Every structure is written in C-alpha cells, then in structure tokens.
Amino acid sequence: MNKKAPDDNDTRPYDEFMRYAKLHSVADEKTGEKHAYQYVSAEDVPKILLGTFVGQPDEKRKEVEEALEHHKKNNETKHIIEHIVDTVWTQYDEGKNLALDDEECKNFLLMCLDIYEKTMAKELDRKAREIDENVADKAPK
C-alpha cells in the first residue's frame, strides 16, 4: 500500500522530526567556529515515519530509486523519508496482508537504518557503519 505524500504546506513531517530532534554543537578544528547539527537517533526514525504517514490516503507513487535521486539533488530530506515509507512498504509486505510480520518488519527497519546511517555519515563526513542483522537483534522485543 502506497501512501500519498503530505502536501507541501503540511507541517506534519517537520513536526514529527522535531518531536525527536536533538541538537549537537561541534567546533571547527581550524577556526574554532561552532556549528550546530540537528539529528534524530536511528531508533526514532521508524516513529517519525509512522507519525508522518498515519492517516494519509493511498496513492500510486514513483519508484524508490528515482525519487531518492531526485530529492537528494534537491536536498529535500522530508520527501526522501516520505517516499521510502510509501513505496518500500509494499516491497517488504511479502504476505500482502497490509501488515509486516516480525521478519518483514526486521528487514524493513534494517533498510531504514542503513539509509539513515549512510545519510548521517555523509552529512558528518565520516565513514558509514555497516548495518546488519545484529543491529536488529539488539532491539527490544
């Protein structure tokens, strides 16, 4: 099931992000100038995704890769998150019962965490950590 993206003037994606956002300040090694970064913990990403799309009507959407590349170029993080949930859900709901069983949910969350880790690594100019099944096994049941 694909969900319609919130309207451009809909503040729900921003509001959901801000519910979990943390602020981190880093000083530039050369100049000492401080830079503030807003981020969310990986464990909060599924909550943000769910909060953004609950109640959205169904709608046919573009393929994930095409949308990700388009939005990366336009620096539209909100739309990247929205589209991942909308399109990818159908790929992970293998039973087509409009719900993810334990294994489907685990695979979906691993994909979300992997994308989030790669995005944060790029933004923080560091090497991305590998996200594997061990990460999902550490999650509370």
Protein backbone atom coordinates (compact mmCIF):
# COMPACT_ATOMS: atom_id res chain seq x y z
CA MET A 1 0.00 0.00 0.00
CA ASN A 2 1.47 3.34 -1.04
CA LYS A 3 0.57 6.45 0.89
CA LYS A 4 0.04 9.91 -0.54
CA ALA A 5 2.78 12.38 0.31
CA PRO A 6 1.75 15.18 2.64
CA ASP A 7 1.08 18.46 0.88
CA ASP A 8 4.00 20.87 0.59
CA ASN A 9 2.44 23.15 3.21
CA ASP A 10 1.76 20.24 5.61
CA THR A 11 3.96 20.63 8.68
CA ARG A 12 3.48 17.04 9.90
CA PRO A 13 6.88 15.73 8.63
CA TYR A 14 8.68 18.66 10.26
CA ASP A 15 6.63 18.35 13.45
CA GLU A 16 7.38 14.62 13.67
CA PHE A 17 11.09 15.23 13.13
CA MET A 18 11.15 17.96 15.80
CA ARG A 19 9.46 15.66 18.35
CA TYR A 20 12.62 13.55 18.37
CA ALA A 21 15.29 16.04 17.24
CA LYS A 22 18.47 16.53 19.23
CA LEU A 23 20.97 19.36 18.87
CA HIS A 24 24.71 18.78 18.76
CA SER A 25 27.33 21.50 18.60
CA VAL A 26 30.78 20.94 17.08
CA ALA A 27 33.70 23.37 16.88
CA ASP A 28 35.72 23.60 13.68
CA GLU A 29 39.26 22.38 14.42
CA LYS A 30 40.93 25.14 12.40
CA THR A 31 38.78 28.18 13.13
CA GLY A 32 37.11 27.24 16.39
CA GLU A 33 33.81 28.33 14.87
CA LYS A 34 30.88 26.39 16.33
CA HIS A 35 28.38 24.60 14.12
CA ALA A 36 25.09 23.17 15.34
CA TYR A 37 23.63 19.98 13.88
CA GLN A 38 20.11 18.73 14.36
CA TYR A 39 19.64 14.99 14.18
CA VAL A 40 17.41 12.15 15.33
CA SER A 41 18.51 8.83 16.76
CA ALA A 42 18.21 5.82 14.47
CA GLU A 43 15.68 4.21 16.82
CA ASP A 44 13.38 7.23 16.36
CA VAL A 45 13.29 7.07 12.55
CA PRO A 46 10.50 4.43 12.39
CA LYS A 47 8.42 6.53 14.83
CA ILE A 48 8.87 9.60 12.64
CA LEU A 49 7.95 7.65 9.53
CA LEU A 50 4.86 6.19 11.15
CA GLY A 51 3.78 9.56 12.56
CA THR A 52 4.18 11.20 9.16
CA PHE A 53 2.03 8.72 7.25
CA VAL A 54 -0.70 7.61 9.63
CA GLY A 55 -3.99 8.65 8.08
CA GLN A 56 -2.58 9.57 4.67
CA PRO A 57 -4.73 8.30 1.76
CA ASP A 58 -3.40 5.65 -0.63
CA GLU A 59 -1.80 6.85 -3.86
CA LYS A 60 0.36 5.30 -6.57
CA ARG A 61 3.92 6.68 -6.34
CA LYS A 62 7.23 6.73 -8.25
CA GLU A 63 9.87 4.04 -7.79
CA VAL A 64 12.16 4.48 -4.78
CA GLU A 65 15.48 4.90 -6.60
CA GLU A 66 14.13 7.54 -8.98
CA ALA A 67 12.59 9.56 -6.17
CA LEU A 68 15.62 9.28 -3.89
CA GLU A 69 17.97 10.55 -6.56
CA HIS A 70 15.61 13.40 -7.48
CA HIS A 71 15.19 14.52 -3.88
CA LYS A 72 18.85 14.11 -2.96
CA LYS A 73 19.74 16.52 -5.75
CA ASN A 74 17.11 18.96 -4.50
CA ASN A 75 18.09 18.44 -0.85
CA GLU A 76 14.51 17.54 0.11
CA THR A 77 15.04 15.23 3.08
CA LYS A 78 11.38 15.35 4.07
CA HIS A 79 10.36 13.87 0.74
CA ILE A 80 13.03 11.18 0.91
CA ILE A 81 11.65 9.89 4.20
CA GLU A 82 8.07 10.08 2.97
CA HIS A 83 8.79 8.24 -0.23
CA ILE A 84 10.79 5.47 1.44
CA VAL A 85 7.84 4.54 3.61
CA ASP A 86 5.27 4.90 0.85
CA THR A 87 6.97 2.81 -1.77
CA VAL A 88 9.11 0.43 0.19
CA TRP A 89 6.28 -0.79 2.41
CA THR A 90 4.82 -2.82 -0.45
CA GLN A 91 8.21 -4.39 -1.12
CA TYR A 92 8.54 -5.59 2.48
CA ASP A 93 4.93 -6.70 2.99
CA GLU A 94 5.62 -10.01 1.27
CA GLY A 95 2.39 -11.55 2.62
CA LYS A 96 0.39 -8.62 1.11
CA ASN A 97 -1.72 -8.51 4.28
CA LEU A 98 -1.12 -4.76 4.83
CA ALA A 99 0.97 -5.55 7.91
CA LEU A 100 4.59 -6.52 8.46
CA ASP A 101 5.26 -9.72 10.37
CA ASP A 102 8.38 -9.94 12.56
CA GLU A 103 10.77 -10.88 9.74
CA GLU A 104 9.27 -8.36 7.28
CA CYS A 105 9.46 -5.64 9.92
CA LYS A 106 13.07 -6.52 10.72
CA ASN A 107 14.05 -6.31 7.04
CA PHE A 108 12.19 -3.02 6.61
CA LEU A 109 13.83 -1.45 9.66
CA LEU A 110 17.28 -2.66 8.59
CA MET A 111 16.77 -0.90 5.26
CA CYS A 112 15.62 2.31 7.05
CA LEU A 113 18.57 2.21 9.43
CA ASP A 114 21.01 1.59 6.58
CA ILE A 115 19.74 4.61 4.63
CA TYR A 116 19.76 6.75 7.77
CA GLU A 117 23.33 5.68 8.66
CA LYS A 118 24.62 6.43 5.15
CA THR A 119 22.90 9.83 5.16
CA MET A 120 24.28 10.80 8.57
CA ALA A 121 27.77 9.57 7.69
CA LYS A 122 27.76 11.73 4.58
CA GLU A 123 26.47 14.78 6.47
CA LEU A 124 29.03 14.31 9.25
CA ASP A 125 31.81 13.50 6.78
CA ARG A 126 32.59 10.11 8.27
CA LYS A 127 32.60 6.53 7.07
CA ALA A 128 29.20 4.83 7.28
CA ARG A 129 28.90 1.94 9.72
CA GLU A 130 27.58 -1.31 8.33
CA ILE A 131 24.03 -2.08 9.38
CA ASP A 132 23.44 -5.82 9.65
CA GLU A 133 21.05 -8.22 11.34
CA ASN A 134 22.94 -7.91 14.63
CA VAL A 135 21.61 -4.34 14.94
CA ALA A 136 18.02 -5.54 14.65
CA ASP A 137 18.63 -8.36 17.13
CA LYS A 138 19.62 -5.77 19.76
CA ALA A 139 16.24 -4.05 19.54
CA PRO A 140 13.86 -4.61 22.45
CA LYS A 141 11.13 -7.12 21.73
